[in-house]
C-alpha atoms as a PDB file:
ATOM      1  CA  MET A   1      72.134-134.502-119.198  1.00  0.00           C
ATOM      2  CA  PRO A   2      69.078-136.543-118.811  1.00  0.00           C
ATOM      3  CA  GLU A   3      68.267-137.407-115.143  1.00  0.00           C
ATOM      4  CA  PHE A   4      68.277-141.162-115.930  1.00  0.00           C
ATOM      5  CA  SER A   5      70.713-141.611-118.792  1.00  0.00           C
ATOM      6  CA  ARG A   6      71.633-145.101-120.063  1.00  0.00           C
ATOM      7  CA  PRO A   7      73.169-144.822-123.857  1.00  0.00           C
ATOM      8  CA  VAL A   8      73.534-148.254-125.158  1.00  0.00           C
ATOM      9  CA  GLN A   9      75.144-149.326-128.467  1.00  0.00           C
ATOM     10  CA  VAL A  10      72.080-151.195-129.914  1.00  0.00           C
ATOM     11  CA  ASP A  11      73.212-151.506-133.462  1.00  0.00           C
ATOM     12  CA  ALA A  12      76.097-153.865-132.342  1.00  0.00           C
ATOM     13  CA  CYS A  13      73.778-156.479-130.705  1.00  0.00           C
ATOM     14  CA  PRO A  14      74.568-160.212-131.765  1.00  0.00           C
ATOM     15  CA  ASP A  15      72.224-162.042-134.236  1.00  0.00           C
ATOM     16  CA  GLY A  16      70.604-163.992-131.253  1.00  0.00           C
ATOM     17  CA  GLY A  17      69.750-160.757-129.616  1.00  0.00           C
ATOM     18  CA  GLU A  18      70.599-159.543-125.987  1.00  0.00           C
ATOM     19  CA  ALA A  19      68.790-158.350-122.772  1.00  0.00           C
ATOM     20  CA  VAL A  20      69.652-155.222-120.619  1.00  0.00           C
ATOM     21  CA  VAL A  21      68.352-154.395-117.170  1.00  0.00           C
ATOM     22  CA  LEU A  22      68.109-150.892-115.961  1.00  0.00           C
ATOM     23  CA  ARG A  23      67.727-149.738-112.577  1.00  0.00           C
ATOM     24  CA  ALA A  24      67.391-145.968-111.492  1.00  0.00           C
ATOM     25  CA  ALA A  25      69.505-144.892-108.431  1.00  0.00           C
ATOM     26  CA  GLU A  26      67.915-143.041-105.430  1.00  0.00           C
ATOM     27  CA  LYS A  27      69.502-139.700-106.772  1.00  0.00           C
ATOM     28  CA  GLU A  28      68.021-140.318-110.229  1.00  0.00           C
ATOM     29  CA  CYS A  29      64.444-141.278-108.856  1.00  0.00           C
ATOM     30  CA  ALA A  30      64.481-138.103-106.788  1.00  0.00           C
ATOM     31  CA  ALA A  31      65.493-135.854-109.740  1.00  0.00           C
ATOM     32  CA  LEU A  32      62.875-137.456-112.180  1.00  0.00           C
ATOM     33  CA  ALA A  33      60.209-136.906-109.438  1.00  0.00           C
ATOM     34  CA  ARG A  34      61.059-133.195-109.738  1.00  0.00           C
ATOM     35  CA  ARG A  35      61.005-133.437-113.276  1.00  0.00           C
ATOM     36  CA  LEU A  36      57.667-135.223-113.681  1.00  0.00           C
ATOM     37  CA  ASP A  37      55.927-133.339-110.859  1.00  0.00           C
ATOM     38  CA  LEU A  38      55.585-136.123-108.679  1.00  0.00           C
ATOM     39  CA  LEU A  39      55.767-136.356-104.818  1.00  0.00           C
ATOM     40  CA  GLY A  40      57.961-139.487-104.814  1.00  0.00           C
ATOM     41  CA  LEU A  41      59.480-141.860-107.320  1.00  0.00           C
ATOM     42  CA  SER A  42      61.196-145.208-106.341  1.00  0.00           C
ATOM     43  CA  ARG A  43      62.322-148.594-107.817  1.00  0.00           C
ATOM     44  CA  LEU A  44      62.198-147.444-111.508  1.00  0.00           C
ATOM     45  CA  ARG A  45      63.308-150.641-113.433  1.00  0.00           C
ATOM     46  CA  ALA A  46      63.246-151.690-116.939  1.00  0.00           C
ATOM     47  CA  GLU A  47      64.061-154.746-118.936  1.00  0.00           C
ATOM     48  CA  VAL A  48      65.016-154.217-122.546  1.00  0.00           C
ATOM     49  CA  GLY A  49      65.156-156.935-125.068  1.00  0.00           C
ATOM     50  CA  ILE A  50      67.392-156.228-128.264  1.00  0.00           C
ATOM     51  CA  ARG A  51      67.075-158.117-131.368  1.00  0.00           C
ATOM     52  CA  ARG A  52      67.560-157.700-135.003  1.00  0.00           C
ATOM     53  CA  THR A  53      64.744-157.935-137.515  1.00  0.00           C
ATOM     54  CA  ALA A  54      64.451-159.330-141.001  1.00  0.00           C
ATOM     55  CA  ALA A  55      64.692-155.823-142.721  1.00  0.00           C
ATOM     56  CA  GLY A  56      67.865-155.042-140.924  1.00  0.00           C
ATOM     57  CA  LEU A  57      66.431-152.887-138.347  1.00  0.00           C
ATOM     58  CA  VAL A  58      66.843-153.419-134.407  1.00  0.00           C
ATOM     59  CA  ARG A  59      63.857-153.718-132.384  1.00  0.00           C
ATOM     60  CA  LEU A  60      63.608-152.621-128.858  1.00  0.00           C
ATOM     61  CA  ASN A  61      61.085-154.622-126.448  1.00  0.00           C
ATOM     62  CA  VAL A  62      60.784-152.694-123.084  1.00  0.00           C
ATOM     63  CA  ASP A  63      58.908-153.654-119.915  1.00  0.00           C
ATOM     64  CA  PHE A  64      59.236-151.182-117.081  1.00  0.00           C
ATOM     65  CA  SER A  65      57.784-150.457-113.640  1.00  0.00           C
ATOM     66  CA  ALA A  66      57.917-147.910-110.889  1.00  0.00           C
ATOM     67  CA  ASN A  67      56.498-146.895-107.497  1.00  0.00           C
ATOM     68  CA  VAL A  68      55.076-143.428-107.784  1.00  0.00           C
ATOM     69  CA  VAL A  69      53.544-140.937-105.263  1.00  0.00           C
ATOM     70  CA  GLN A  70      51.221-138.349-106.943  1.00  0.00           C
ATOM     71  CA  SER A  71      48.949-135.557-105.549  1.00  0.00           C
ATOM     72  CA  CYS A  72      45.259-135.885-105.430  1.00  0.00           C
ATOM     73  CA  VAL A  73      43.564-133.617-107.761  1.00  0.00           C
ATOM     74  CA  VAL A  74      40.828-133.126-105.087  1.00  0.00           C
ATOM     75  CA  SER A  75      42.329-133.093-101.614  1.00  0.00           C
ATOM     76  CA  LEU A  76      46.092-132.832-102.641  1.00  0.00           C
ATOM     77  CA  GLU A  77      46.910-135.668-100.461  1.00  0.00           C
ATOM     78  CA  ALA A  78      49.437-138.248-101.328  1.00  0.00           C
ATOM     79  CA  VAL A  79      48.421-140.989-103.746  1.00  0.00           C
ATOM     80  CA  SER A  80      50.798-144.307-103.990  1.00  0.00           C
ATOM     81  CA  GLY A  81      50.794-146.358-106.491  1.00  0.00           C
ATOM     82  CA  VAL A  82      52.667-148.759-109.091  1.00  0.00           C
ATOM     83  CA  VAL A  83      52.927-147.777-112.789  1.00  0.00           C
ATOM     84  CA  SER A  84      53.815-150.574-115.311  1.00  0.00           C
ATOM     85  CA  ASP A  85      53.794-150.791-119.037  1.00  0.00           C
ATOM     86  CA  ARG A  86      55.487-152.223-121.963  1.00  0.00           C
ATOM     87  CA  PHE A  87      56.254-150.827-125.612  1.00  0.00           C
ATOM     88  CA  SER A  88      58.191-151.601-128.606  1.00  0.00           C
ATOM     89  CA  VAL A  89      60.525-149.430-130.593  1.00  0.00           C
ATOM     90  CA  LEU A  90      62.290-149.742-133.948  1.00  0.00           C
ATOM     91  CA  CYS A  91      65.903-148.307-134.565  1.00  0.00           C
ATOM     92  CA  GLU A  92      67.916-148.041-137.778  1.00  0.00           C
ATOM     93  CA  SER A  93      70.915-150.168-137.603  1.00  0.00           C
ATOM     94  CA  GLY A  94      74.479-149.855-139.223  1.00  0.00           C
ATOM     95  CA  GLU A  95      73.446-152.345-141.705  1.00  0.00           C
ATOM     96  CA  GLN A  96      70.687-149.972-142.801  1.00  0.00           C
ATOM     97  CA  ARG A  97      72.921-146.968-143.008  1.00  0.00           C
ATOM     98  CA  SER A  98      75.777-148.804-145.065  1.00  0.00           C
ATOM     99  CA  GLY A  99      74.315-151.651-146.772  1.00  0.00           C
ATOM    100  CA  GLY A 100      71.088-149.985-148.134  1.00  0.00           C
ATOM    101  CA  ARG A 101      70.837-148.851-151.751  1.00  0.00           C
ATOM    102  CA  LYS A 102      72.211-145.221-152.257  1.00  0.00           C
ATOM    103  CA  LYS A 103      70.120-142.522-153.628  1.00  0.00           C
ATOM    104  CA  LYS A 104      71.220-141.219-157.051  1.00  0.00           C
ATOM    105  CA  GLY A 105      73.751-138.289-156.139  1.00  0.00           C
ATOM    106  CA  THR A 106      73.908-138.771-152.598  1.00  0.00           C
ATOM    107  CA  ASP A 107      76.066-140.673-149.988  1.00  0.00           C
ATOM    108  CA  GLN A 108      73.118-141.644-147.865  1.00  0.00           C
ATOM    109  CA  ALA A 109      71.574-145.149-147.994  1.00  0.00           C
ATOM    110  CA  GLU A 110      67.776-145.550-148.426  1.00  0.00           C
ATOM    111  CA  VAL A 111      65.811-147.035-145.507  1.00  0.00           C
ATOM    112  CA  PHE A 112      63.062-149.185-146.692  1.00  0.00           C
ATOM    113  CA  VAL A 113      60.252-148.917-144.056  1.00  0.00           C
ATOM    114  CA  ASP A 114      56.587-149.789-144.324  1.00  0.00           C
ATOM    115  CA  PRO A 115      54.595-146.627-144.467  1.00  0.00           C
ATOM    116  CA  PHE A 116      51.557-148.354-142.779  1.00  0.00           C
ATOM    117  CA  GLY A 117      53.603-150.156-140.003  1.00  0.00           C
ATOM    118  CA  ASP A 118      52.746-149.523-136.366  1.00  0.00           C
ATOM    119  CA  ASP A 119      56.044-148.418-135.139  1.00  0.00           C
ATOM    120  CA  PRO A 120      58.160-145.476-136.338  1.00  0.00           C
ATOM    121  CA  VAL A 121      61.820-145.909-136.652  1.00  0.00           C
ATOM    122  CA  GLU A 122      64.145-144.166-133.998  1.00  0.00           C
ATOM    123  CA  PRO A 123      67.312-142.650-135.345  1.00  0.00           C
ATOM    124  CA  LEU A 124      70.491-143.787-133.732  1.00  0.00           C
ATOM    125  CA  GLU A 125      73.431-141.555-132.847  1.00  0.00           C
ATOM    126  CA  ASP A 126      76.765-143.425-133.466  1.00  0.00           C
ATOM    127  CA  GLY A 127      74.507-146.430-133.265  1.00  0.00           C
ATOM    128  CA  LYS A 128      73.460-145.629-129.626  1.00  0.00           C
ATOM    129  CA  ILE A 129      70.401-144.773-128.266  1.00  0.00           C
ATOM    130  CA  ASP A 130      69.497-143.573-124.564  1.00  0.00           C
ATOM    131  CA  LEU A 131      67.365-146.358-123.084  1.00  0.00           C
ATOM    132  CA  GLY A 132      67.082-144.488-119.770  1.00  0.00           C
ATOM    133  CA  GLU A 133      65.543-141.542-121.361  1.00  0.00           C
ATOM    134  CA  LEU A 134      63.237-143.701-123.490  1.00  0.00           C
ATOM    135  CA  VAL A 135      61.816-145.328-120.352  1.00  0.00           C
ATOM    136  CA  VAL A 136      61.229-141.987-118.572  1.00  0.00           C
ATOM    137  CA  GLN A 137      59.313-140.462-121.726  1.00  0.00           C
ATOM    138  CA  HIS A 138      57.043-143.476-121.607  1.00  0.00           C
ATOM    139  CA  LEU A 139      56.773-143.568-117.706  1.00  0.00           C
ATOM    140  CA  SER A 140      55.532-139.929-118.089  1.00  0.00           C
ATOM    141  CA  LEU A 141      52.826-141.004-120.441  1.00  0.00           C
ATOM    142  CA  SER A 142      51.591-143.907-118.362  1.00  0.00           C
ATOM    143  CA  LEU A 143      51.078-141.558-115.197  1.00  0.00           C
ATOM    144  CA  ASP A 144      47.486-141.230-113.980  1.00  0.00           C
ATOM    145  CA  PRO A 145      46.534-137.840-115.160  1.00  0.00           C
ATOM    146  CA  TYR A 146      43.650-137.501-112.320  1.00  0.00           C
ATOM    147  CA  PRO A 147      45.063-139.352-109.352  1.00  0.00           C
ATOM    148  CA  ARG A 148      42.498-139.438-106.546  1.00  0.00           C
ATOM    149  CA  ALA A 149      42.818-140.528-102.830  1.00  0.00           C
ATOM    150  CA  LEU A 150      40.564-142.920-101.445  1.00  0.00           C
ATOM    151  CA  GLY A 151      37.202-141.397-100.264  1.00  0.00           C
ATOM    152  CA  ASP A 152      37.604-138.358-102.757  1.00  0.00           C
ATOM    153  CA  GLU A 153      35.470-140.130-105.461  1.00  0.00           C
ATOM    154  CA  GLY A 154      32.695-137.434-104.878  1.00  0.00           C
ATOM    155  CA  GLU A 155      28.982-138.009-104.360  1.00  0.00           C
ATOM    156  CA  MET A 156      26.634-138.883-107.200  1.00  0.00           C
ATOM    157  CA  ASP A 157      23.052-137.148-107.477  1.00  0.00           C
ATOM    158  CA  VAL A 158      20.226-139.478-108.321  1.00  0.00           C
ATOM    159  CA  ILE A 159      17.588-137.497-110.239  1.00  0.00           C
ATOM    160  CA  SER A 160      13.848-138.797-110.259  1.00  0.00           C
ATOM    161  CA  SER A 161      12.436-139.275-113.644  1.00  0.00           C
ATOM    162  CA  GLY A 162       9.072-138.412-112.507  1.00  0.00           C
ATOM    163  CA  GLY A 163       8.970-134.932-114.230  1.00  0.00           C
ATOM    164  CA  SER A 164       9.397-131.390-112.595  1.00  0.00           C
ATOM    165  CA  ASP A 165       7.002-131.992-109.609  1.00  0.00           C
ATOM    166  CA  GLY A 166       9.310-132.550-106.523  1.00  0.00           C
ATOM    167  CA  GLY A 167       6.475-134.559-105.056  1.00  0.00           C
ATOM    168  CA  SER A 168       6.253-137.170-107.665  1.00  0.00           C
ATOM    169  CA  ASN A 169       7.662-140.645-108.059  1.00  0.00           C
ATOM    170  CA  GLY A 170       9.866-142.070-110.447  1.00  0.00           C
ATOM    171  CA  SER A 171      11.746-145.077-111.626  1.00  0.00           C
ATOM    172  CA  ILE A 172      15.504-145.263-112.365  1.00  0.00           C
ATOM    173  CA  ASP A 173      16.763-148.401-113.974  1.00  0.00           C
ATOM    174  CA  GLY A 174      13.742-150.339-112.862  1.00  0.00           C
ATOM    175  CA  VAL A 175      13.980-149.257-109.233  1.00  0.00           C
ATOM    176  CA  THR A 176      11.195-147.480-107.952  1.00  0.00           C
ATOM    177  CA  THR A 177      11.916-144.219-106.111  1.00  0.00           C
ATOM    178  CA  SER A 178       9.619-142.265-103.791  1.00  0.00           C
ATOM    179  CA  ALA A 179       9.360-138.587-103.177  1.00  0.00           C
ATOM    180  CA  GLY A 180      10.200-138.586 -99.423  1.00  0.00           C
ATOM    181  CA  SER A 181       8.204-137.825 -96.307  1.00  0.00           C
ATOM    182  CA  GLY A 182       6.524-134.669 -97.948  1.00  0.00           C
ATOM    183  CA  GLY A 183       5.025-136.522-100.905  1.00  0.00           C
ATOM    184  CA  ASP A 184       2.298-138.762-101.346  1.00  0.00           C
ATOM    185  CA  GLU A 185       2.705-142.565-100.391  1.00  0.00           C
ATOM    186  CA  VAL A 186       2.856-145.054-103.158  1.00  0.00           C
ATOM    187  CA  ALA A 187      -0.348-147.016-103.416  1.00  0.00           C
ATOM    188  CA  GLU A 188      -0.130-150.557-102.218  1.00  0.00           C
ATOM    189  CA  ARG A 189      -1.048-153.253-104.899  1.00  0.00           C
ATOM    190  CA  LYS A 190      -3.590-155.753-104.083  1.00  0.00           C
ATOM    191  CA  ASN A 191      -2.136-159.504-104.247  1.00  0.00           C
ATOM    192  CA  PRO A 192      -3.255-161.195-107.402  1.00  0.00           C
ATOM    193  CA  PHE A 193      -4.200-164.428-105.624  1.00  0.00           C
ATOM    194  CA  GLU A 194      -6.376-162.537-103.111  1.00  0.00           C
ATOM    195  CA  ALA A 195      -7.977-160.854-106.320  1.00  0.00           C
ATOM    196  CA  LEU A 196      -8.769-164.306-107.902  1.00  0.00           C
ATOM    197  CA  GLN A 197     -10.265-165.495-104.688  1.00  0.00           C
ATOM    198  CA  GLU A 198     -12.614-162.693-104.384  1.00  0.00           C
ATOM    199  CA  TRP A 199     -13.541-163.352-108.035  1.00  0.00           C
ATOM    200  CA  ARG A 200     -14.383-166.974-107.535  1.00  0.00           C
ATOM    201  CA  ALA A 201     -16.439-166.050-104.381  1.00  0.00           C
ATOM    202  CA  GLU A 202     -18.439-163.507-106.366  1.00  0.00           C
ATOM    203  CA  LYS A 203     -18.970-166.125-108.969  1.00  0.00           C
ATOM    204  CA  THR A 204     -20.220-168.998-106.742  1.00  0.00           C
ATOM    205  CA  ALA A 205     -22.535-166.495-104.577  1.00  0.00           C
END
């Protein structure tokens, strides 16, 4: 039995569609945290819009969110955050199973689905689908695979472009870098206006 099981009869939705709100209990969140290898999970909530499509399928539009606590991959400290996402799923309906054209020599109805469509068709068991388990599967895909605590971003080494000589100067992205106390000092350039005045003085002399 899934930790957060919410089977819903989706193929019986009215023509105008319907909405379902799912909330995980505290015990369910604790069980899901163990399953997803989380330090904590709370306030798991999902809003599911159910409607029929022109092709006779059932579309589920799902928005979910949850508070999660993960373990930092660097320091193993607790990293708290909010995970939220939305996804869409197509399901075959009772009309598709009973109202479609039957294949010759079989009792099964054909389901005509665009092979180039974005959404695969989820099979239903007795017209039901476990919306809770569906949300958990997408929650697991939305978790940060490399959570980091503040201050654990690491240091970035800046390498001079001045060649192999440790005492040389270089330039990175237009910013001049010097070699430090052990290297030669960068020669100070002469002010161009001072150079012009000197040239004029020499001219009039």
